Amino acid sequence: MKKFIFITPEGNTTAPNGDEVENMQVIGIVEEVADENEALKKLLLENVWIFDAEFNIAEFICHEII
């Protein structure tokens, strides 16, 4: 079984000095799946907040963690 990490270029974060910074954000890590498609399905099923936050799933970048 494989492990994947999902990141997105959407959104901002606040730096320690209070400045708003554009950066990549980790959306989640999914373990015990066969492939990237299964990983995305599992990610979305286990994290309904992704829809509530209105992230564009098409923007997600997926990488297998070895």
Protein backbone atom coordinates (compact mmCIF):
# COMPACT_ATOMS: atom_id res chain seq x y z
CA MET A 1 0.00 0.00 0.00
CA LYS A 2 1.08 3.57 -0.66
CA LYS A 3 1.11 6.95 1.05
CA PHE A 4 0.38 10.32 -0.62
CA ILE A 5 0.56 13.99 0.33
CA PHE A 6 -1.77 16.62 -1.15
CA ILE A 7 -0.77 20.26 -1.38
CA THR A 8 -2.45 23.32 -2.91
CA PRO A 9 -1.29 26.73 -4.12
CA GLU A 10 -4.59 28.22 -2.91
CA GLY A 11 -4.87 30.26 0.23
CA ASN A 12 -2.57 32.28 2.44
CA THR A 13 -0.95 31.95 5.81
CA THR A 14 0.08 34.42 8.48
CA ALA A 15 3.80 34.76 9.19
CA PRO A 16 5.08 35.11 12.77
CA ASN A 17 5.47 38.88 12.19
CA GLY A 18 1.79 39.15 11.18
CA ASP A 19 2.35 39.55 7.43
CA GLU A 20 0.12 37.58 5.09
CA VAL A 21 2.16 35.23 2.90
CA GLU A 22 1.17 33.30 -0.22
CA ASN A 23 2.57 29.79 -0.15
CA MET A 24 1.79 26.14 -0.76
CA GLN A 25 -0.34 24.49 1.90
CA VAL A 26 -0.53 20.86 2.91
CA ILE A 27 -4.12 19.70 2.61
CA GLY A 28 -3.56 16.21 3.96
CA ILE A 29 -1.67 12.96 3.96
CA VAL A 30 -3.39 9.71 3.03
CA GLU A 31 -2.03 6.27 3.86
CA GLU A 32 -2.90 2.69 2.97
CA VAL A 33 -4.17 3.29 -0.59
CA ALA A 34 -3.33 1.67 -3.92
CA ASP A 35 -2.99 4.76 -6.09
CA GLU A 36 -3.45 8.53 -6.44
CA ASN A 37 -7.15 8.26 -7.38
CA GLU A 38 -7.96 6.17 -4.34
CA ALA A 39 -5.95 8.59 -2.21
CA LEU A 40 -7.98 11.57 -3.42
CA LYS A 41 -11.27 9.78 -2.75
CA LYS A 42 -10.15 8.85 0.77
CA LEU A 43 -8.88 12.38 1.43
CA LEU A 44 -12.20 13.93 0.46
CA LEU A 45 -14.31 11.37 2.36
CA GLU A 46 -12.33 11.85 5.57
CA ASN A 47 -12.04 15.66 5.35
CA VAL A 48 -15.38 17.29 4.52
CA TRP A 49 -13.93 20.66 5.58
CA ILE A 50 -12.14 20.75 2.19
CA PHE A 51 -15.51 21.33 0.50
CA ASP A 52 -16.66 23.74 3.23
CA ALA A 53 -13.50 25.82 2.74
CA GLU A 54 -14.20 25.88 -1.03
CA PHE A 55 -10.80 24.61 -2.14
CA ASN A 56 -10.54 23.89 -5.87
CA ILE A 57 -9.74 20.19 -5.97
CA ALA A 58 -8.42 20.54 -9.53
CA GLU A 59 -5.59 22.69 -8.09
CA PHE A 60 -4.39 19.93 -5.73
CA ILE A 61 -0.90 18.57 -6.30
CA CYS A 62 -0.36 14.97 -5.25
CA HIS A 63 2.96 13.30 -4.53
CA GLU A 64 3.66 9.79 -3.39
CA ILE A 65 5.62 9.64 -0.15
CA ILE A 66 8.24 6.93 -0.25
